[in-house]
Amino acid sequence: MTMILSIDGGGTKTLGVVYDECGREVERWTAGPAALHVDFEAAWEAIEWIVDQATKYQPTVVLGISGAETSAKAAEIPTRIYMKFGLESEIMSDIKLSYFAHHGKKSGMDIIAGTGSVVMAFTGEQFVIRGGWGPRLGDEGSAFGLVRSIVQSLLAFLEEEERVDEVEEVLNMIGVRDKAELIQWTYKQDRMSFAGAAKKLAQSNHVLIQEAVRKEAEALAKQAGQLVLKLQEPFEIGLTGSVFEKNEDFARHFQSVLNGYAGKSLSYHPMHEENVFGGYRYLMGKWQSN
């Protein structure tokens, strides 16, 4: 029986699932982060461990890995897999894997707002992407972007000595007392710690935090708005990632702003199919068309 190993690697964890030819799950494993643009060798270690667990099934491998579209070293991953395990594999971005899981090859858009963020659309002819640049250059609307926006607002108000009581309330939530401690706290956080802080802060209805939530929703909607007019009707927009899933205000404001760019109410769907299922859908579609 033909087996497919699909691997979904991002900034928080790496998930590998073996499917049989009918799309039934056979076994799964979880490893550490696999973001190629953050730490290539750490990403390879996570991928290598999962492939090693799955070799007993002799699967064909599909990888959807964060940073695969921008890393010059991404092509090394299939080579390493073949050299060590003798398995054929293909690599794509994690957002493209997500897209295949939710839409197949139909025209549409997938928007991920999790630890990082990225927007991908399929116009009916080609895939186009906005964002996905990582925390140093972008990640608008992500958990990282949300905390960054909150910290930037706090620093600006501290310097101007404005909204003092509100600022002090948020500083207490973070566990710092002043500007110096806030800056120190920020630079001590890694990407995953930022994601944890975002989860905690975003649950608050505090006015300063909600202002940052709306700001990040607008920034991500702007990226998606650059693509929405390129799509062929009819199409669906898939929303996935922890920020959409855990913050209704963010999702609601994002949709309102994107509707404004499109000039109409769009069709949005929370995507319940796991992103990792995209590897199965991609390969089966490819094999059936050959």
Protein backbone atom coordinates (compact mmCIF):
# COMPACT_ATOMS: atom_id res chain seq x y z
CA MET A 1 0.00 0.00 0.00
CA THR A 2 1.23 3.49 -0.87
CA MET A 3 2.06 5.63 2.16
CA ILE A 4 2.46 9.40 2.36
CA LEU A 5 4.35 11.22 5.10
CA SER A 6 3.27 14.85 5.36
CA ILE A 7 5.33 17.17 7.55
CA ASP A 8 4.13 20.60 8.69
CA GLY A 9 6.95 22.61 10.25
CA GLY A 10 6.57 26.06 11.78
CA GLY A 11 7.93 28.38 14.42
CA THR A 12 6.44 26.49 17.36
CA LYS A 13 6.51 22.79 16.45
CA THR A 14 6.82 20.24 13.65
CA LEU A 15 4.07 17.70 13.01
CA GLY A 16 4.48 14.60 10.87
CA VAL A 17 1.60 12.33 9.88
CA VAL A 18 1.62 9.16 7.77
CA TYR A 19 -1.51 8.63 5.65
CA ASP A 20 -2.50 5.60 3.63
CA GLU A 21 -3.71 5.99 0.05
CA CYS A 22 -7.30 6.54 1.25
CA GLY A 23 -6.30 9.47 3.45
CA ARG A 24 -6.60 7.56 6.71
CA GLU A 25 -4.11 8.52 9.41
CA VAL A 26 -1.70 5.73 10.30
CA GLU A 27 0.65 7.35 12.82
CA ARG A 28 1.83 10.81 13.91
CA TRP A 29 4.78 12.42 15.67
CA THR A 30 5.61 15.87 17.00
CA ALA A 31 9.06 17.48 17.18
CA GLY A 32 10.53 20.93 17.87
CA PRO A 33 10.30 24.05 15.66
CA ALA A 34 11.26 23.93 11.99
CA ALA A 35 11.55 27.49 10.67
CA LEU A 36 14.30 27.47 8.05
CA HIS A 37 14.89 31.22 8.19
CA VAL A 38 15.28 31.14 11.99
CA ASP A 39 17.59 28.13 12.52
CA PHE A 40 18.20 25.83 9.55
CA GLU A 41 20.02 23.08 11.43
CA ALA A 42 17.45 22.99 14.24
CA ALA A 43 14.74 22.69 11.58
CA TRP A 44 16.63 19.83 9.94
CA GLU A 45 16.96 18.01 13.29
CA ALA A 46 13.19 18.13 13.80
CA ILE A 47 12.49 16.97 10.24
CA GLU A 48 15.16 14.26 10.40
CA TRP A 49 13.74 12.81 13.62
CA ILE A 50 10.21 12.57 12.19
CA VAL A 51 11.37 11.00 8.92
CA ASP A 52 13.41 8.49 10.90
CA GLN A 53 10.29 7.44 12.83
CA ALA A 54 8.35 7.01 9.58
CA THR A 55 10.91 5.04 7.55
CA LYS A 56 9.25 1.74 8.53
CA TYR A 57 6.39 2.74 6.20
CA GLN A 58 8.71 3.65 3.27
CA PRO A 59 6.55 6.68 2.48
CA THR A 60 6.78 9.38 -0.14
CA VAL A 61 7.44 12.60 1.79
CA VAL A 62 5.87 16.04 1.40
CA LEU A 63 7.21 18.85 3.56
CA GLY A 64 5.51 22.16 4.25
CA ILE A 65 8.12 24.14 6.15
CA SER A 66 8.19 27.75 7.33
CA GLY A 67 10.71 29.73 5.30
CA ALA A 68 10.89 27.22 2.43
CA GLU A 69 9.95 29.87 -0.15
CA THR A 70 12.68 32.28 0.98
CA SER A 71 15.54 30.10 2.26
CA ALA A 72 18.30 29.46 -0.28
CA LYS A 73 19.07 26.22 1.57
CA ALA A 74 15.55 24.76 1.40
CA ALA A 75 16.50 22.49 -1.51
CA GLU A 76 19.04 20.78 0.74
CA ILE A 77 16.28 19.16 2.77
CA PRO A 78 15.04 16.70 0.08
CA THR A 79 18.67 15.90 -0.77
CA ARG A 80 19.48 15.12 2.86
CA ILE A 81 16.35 12.96 3.18
CA TYR A 82 17.28 10.93 0.11
CA MET A 83 20.94 10.56 1.12
CA LYS A 84 20.11 9.38 4.65
CA PHE A 85 16.83 7.50 4.21
CA GLY A 86 16.55 6.75 0.47
CA LEU A 87 13.11 8.40 0.34
CA GLU A 88 11.77 10.72 -2.34
CA SER A 89 10.45 14.03 -1.07
CA GLU A 90 9.17 17.46 -2.09
CA ILE A 91 9.34 20.67 -0.09
CA MET A 92 7.06 23.70 -0.13
CA SER A 93 6.13 26.45 2.32
CA ASP A 94 3.90 25.70 5.29
CA ILE A 95 1.32 28.13 3.92
CA LYS A 96 1.17 26.26 0.60
CA LEU A 97 0.70 22.99 2.49
CA SER A 98 -2.13 24.67 4.40
CA TYR A 99 -3.65 25.87 1.15
CA PHE A 100 -3.75 22.37 -0.34
CA ALA A 101 -5.32 21.02 2.86
CA HIS A 102 -8.17 23.52 2.71
CA HIS A 103 -8.76 24.26 -0.99
CA GLY A 104 -6.92 21.74 -3.17
CA LYS A 105 -6.27 23.60 -6.43
CA LYS A 106 -9.41 25.75 -6.36
CA SER A 107 -9.11 29.54 -6.46
CA GLY A 108 -9.04 30.98 -2.95
CA MET A 109 -6.94 32.44 -0.17
CA ASP A 110 -5.39 31.06 3.00
CA ILE A 111 -4.34 33.37 5.81
CA ILE A 112 -2.23 32.10 8.69
CA ALA A 113 -1.98 34.14 11.88
CA GLY A 114 -0.13 32.04 14.43
CA THR A 115 3.37 32.40 15.82
CA GLY A 116 4.11 34.10 12.49
CA SER A 117 1.83 35.24 9.68
CA VAL A 118 1.54 34.91 5.91
CA VAL A 119 -1.10 35.26 3.17
CA MET A 120 -1.29 32.96 0.14
CA ALA A 121 -3.76 32.94 -2.73
CA PHE A 122 -4.25 30.81 -5.82
CA THR A 123 -5.57 32.89 -8.70
CA GLY A 124 -6.58 29.90 -10.79
CA GLU A 125 -3.27 30.16 -12.65
CA GLN A 126 -0.56 30.69 -10.04
CA PHE A 127 0.17 30.93 -6.34
CA VAL A 128 0.92 34.40 -5.01
CA ILE A 129 2.09 35.28 -1.51
CA ARG A 130 2.29 38.28 0.76
CA GLY A 131 4.28 38.40 3.99
CA GLY A 132 5.94 35.39 5.56
CA TRP A 133 9.12 37.39 6.09
CA GLY A 134 9.70 36.36 9.68
CA PRO A 135 9.73 38.38 12.92
CA ARG A 136 12.52 40.79 12.01
CA LEU A 137 10.84 42.03 8.84
CA GLY A 138 7.14 41.45 9.24
CA ASP A 139 4.76 38.87 10.79
CA GLU A 140 1.97 41.44 10.99
CA GLY A 141 -1.08 40.05 12.76
CA SER A 142 0.88 37.19 14.31
CA ALA A 143 1.35 36.46 18.00
CA PHE A 144 4.81 37.98 17.67
CA GLY A 145 3.41 41.05 15.91
CA LEU A 146 0.73 41.49 18.54
CA VAL A 147 3.19 41.61 21.45
CA ARG A 148 5.55 43.85 19.47
CA SER A 149 2.69 46.27 18.82
CA ILE A 150 1.69 46.31 22.49
CA VAL A 151 5.28 46.99 23.58
CA GLN A 152 5.72 49.75 21.00
CA SER A 153 2.55 51.46 22.20
CA LEU A 154 3.62 51.23 25.82
CA LEU A 155 7.05 52.68 25.06
CA ALA A 156 5.55 55.56 23.10
CA PHE A 157 3.14 56.43 25.92
CA LEU A 158 5.91 56.13 28.54
CA GLU A 159 8.11 58.54 26.62
CA GLU A 160 5.25 61.03 26.19
CA GLU A 161 4.00 60.44 29.75
CA GLU A 162 0.50 59.86 28.39
CA ARG A 163 -2.29 57.49 29.56
CA VAL A 164 -0.21 56.77 32.65
CA ASP A 165 -2.75 54.67 34.57
CA GLU A 166 -3.59 52.51 31.56
CA VAL A 167 0.08 51.94 30.77
CA GLU A 168 0.79 50.93 34.37
CA GLU A 169 -2.01 48.36 34.25
CA VAL A 170 -0.52 46.65 31.19
CA LEU A 171 3.01 46.81 32.61
CA ASN A 172 1.67 44.93 35.65
CA MET A 173 0.19 42.25 33.37
CA ILE A 174 3.61 41.77 31.76
CA GLY A 175 5.39 41.84 35.13
CA VAL A 176 7.61 44.88 34.66
CA ARG A 177 7.64 48.31 36.34
CA ASP A 178 9.05 50.82 33.89
CA LYS A 179 10.49 51.55 30.45
CA ALA A 180 13.90 50.03 31.17
CA GLU A 181 12.44 46.77 32.48
CA LEU A 182 10.01 46.58 29.54
CA ILE A 183 12.86 46.87 27.03
CA GLN A 184 14.91 44.28 28.93
CA TRP A 185 11.92 41.91 29.07
CA THR A 186 11.32 42.31 25.34
CA TYR A 187 14.87 41.46 24.31
CA LYS A 188 14.96 38.41 26.57
CA GLN A 189 11.96 36.84 24.82
CA ASP A 190 12.40 34.38 22.00
CA ARG A 191 9.76 33.89 19.33
CA MET A 192 7.93 31.15 21.22
CA SER A 193 7.92 33.18 24.45
CA PHE A 194 6.33 36.04 22.52
CA ALA A 195 3.63 33.64 21.36
CA GLY A 196 2.94 32.66 24.96
CA ALA A 197 2.79 36.30 26.05
CA ALA A 198 0.41 37.08 23.19
CA LYS A 199 -1.94 34.31 24.29
CA LYS A 200 -2.05 35.74 27.81
CA LEU A 201 -2.36 39.43 26.85
CA ALA A 202 -4.87 38.96 24.03
CA GLN A 203 -7.39 37.49 26.48
CA SER A 204 -7.58 40.87 28.21
CA ASN A 205 -10.20 43.45 27.29
CA HIS A 206 -7.85 46.26 28.31
CA VAL A 207 -8.25 49.21 25.96
CA LEU A 208 -4.53 49.51 25.12
CA ILE A 209 -4.30 45.82 24.27
CA GLN A 210 -7.44 45.90 22.14
CA GLU A 211 -6.05 48.91 20.24
CA ALA A 212 -2.97 46.82 19.42
CA VAL A 213 -5.17 43.88 18.40
CA ARG A 214 -7.08 46.08 15.94
CA LYS A 215 -3.85 47.60 14.60
CA GLU A 216 -2.39 44.17 13.84
CA ALA A 217 -5.66 42.95 12.31
CA GLU A 218 -5.62 45.97 9.99
CA ALA A 219 -1.99 45.36 8.99
CA LEU A 220 -2.70 41.73 8.08
CA ALA A 221 -5.90 42.69 6.24
CA LYS A 222 -3.91 45.18 4.19
CA GLN A 223 -1.62 42.37 3.01
CA ALA A 224 -4.60 40.18 2.12
CA GLY A 225 -6.30 43.12 0.40
CA GLN A 226 -3.43 43.27 -2.09
CA LEU A 227 -4.42 39.81 -3.33
CA VAL A 228 -8.17 39.57 -2.97
CA LEU A 229 -8.95 41.38 -6.24
CA LYS A 230 -6.71 38.94 -8.16
CA LEU A 231 -8.90 35.93 -7.36
CA GLN A 232 -11.35 34.26 -9.71
CA GLU A 233 -14.94 34.00 -8.50
CA PRO A 234 -16.17 32.00 -6.69
CA PHE A 235 -13.57 31.66 -3.95
CA GLU A 236 -13.32 31.07 -0.22
CA ILE A 237 -10.97 32.60 2.32
CA GLY A 238 -9.54 30.23 4.91
CA LEU A 239 -8.52 31.60 8.31
CA THR A 240 -6.15 29.50 10.37
CA GLY A 241 -3.72 29.88 13.24
CA SER A 242 -3.90 30.54 16.96
CA VAL A 243 -4.56 34.29 16.71
CA PHE A 244 -7.71 33.76 14.62
CA GLU A 245 -8.79 30.79 16.72
CA LYS A 246 -8.37 32.41 20.14
CA ASN A 247 -9.23 36.07 19.54
CA GLU A 248 -12.69 36.73 18.14
CA ASP A 249 -12.19 40.51 18.15
CA PHE A 250 -9.08 40.13 15.97
CA ALA A 251 -10.93 37.87 13.50
CA ARG A 252 -13.98 40.11 13.38
CA HIS A 253 -11.98 43.31 12.80
CA PHE A 254 -9.77 41.60 10.21
CA GLN A 255 -12.82 40.50 8.21
CA SER A 256 -14.41 43.95 8.40
CA VAL A 257 -11.26 45.66 7.09
CA LEU A 258 -10.72 43.10 4.31
CA ASN A 259 -14.35 43.45 3.23
CA GLY A 260 -13.62 47.16 2.87
CA TYR A 261 -10.70 46.49 0.54
CA ALA A 262 -12.86 44.14 -1.54
CA GLY A 263 -15.87 46.45 -1.55
CA LYS A 264 -18.20 43.62 -0.55
CA SER A 265 -18.80 40.94 2.07
CA LEU A 266 -16.47 38.00 1.46
CA SER A 267 -16.89 34.33 2.32
CA TYR A 268 -14.77 33.31 5.31
CA HIS A 269 -14.32 29.83 6.67
CA PRO A 270 -12.49 28.68 9.80
CA MET A 271 -10.46 25.75 8.53
CA HIS A 272 -10.88 22.67 10.69
CA GLU A 273 -8.86 20.33 8.46
CA GLU A 274 -5.32 20.08 9.84
CA ASN A 275 -2.75 21.89 7.68
CA VAL A 276 -0.65 18.73 7.59
CA PHE A 277 -3.37 16.99 5.54
CA GLY A 278 -2.26 19.18 2.63
CA GLY A 279 0.62 16.81 1.90
CA TYR A 280 -1.81 13.98 1.25
CA ARG A 281 -4.13 16.12 -0.90
CA TYR A 282 -1.20 17.51 -2.89
CA LEU A 283 0.35 14.16 -3.74
CA MET A 284 -2.94 12.42 -4.53
CA GLY A 285 -3.92 15.28 -6.83
CA LYS A 286 -0.54 15.10 -8.54
CA TRP A 287 -0.66 11.34 -8.99
CA GLN A 288 -4.24 11.36 -10.27
CA SER A 289 -3.44 14.01 -12.89
CA ASN A 290 -0.47 12.01 -14.25
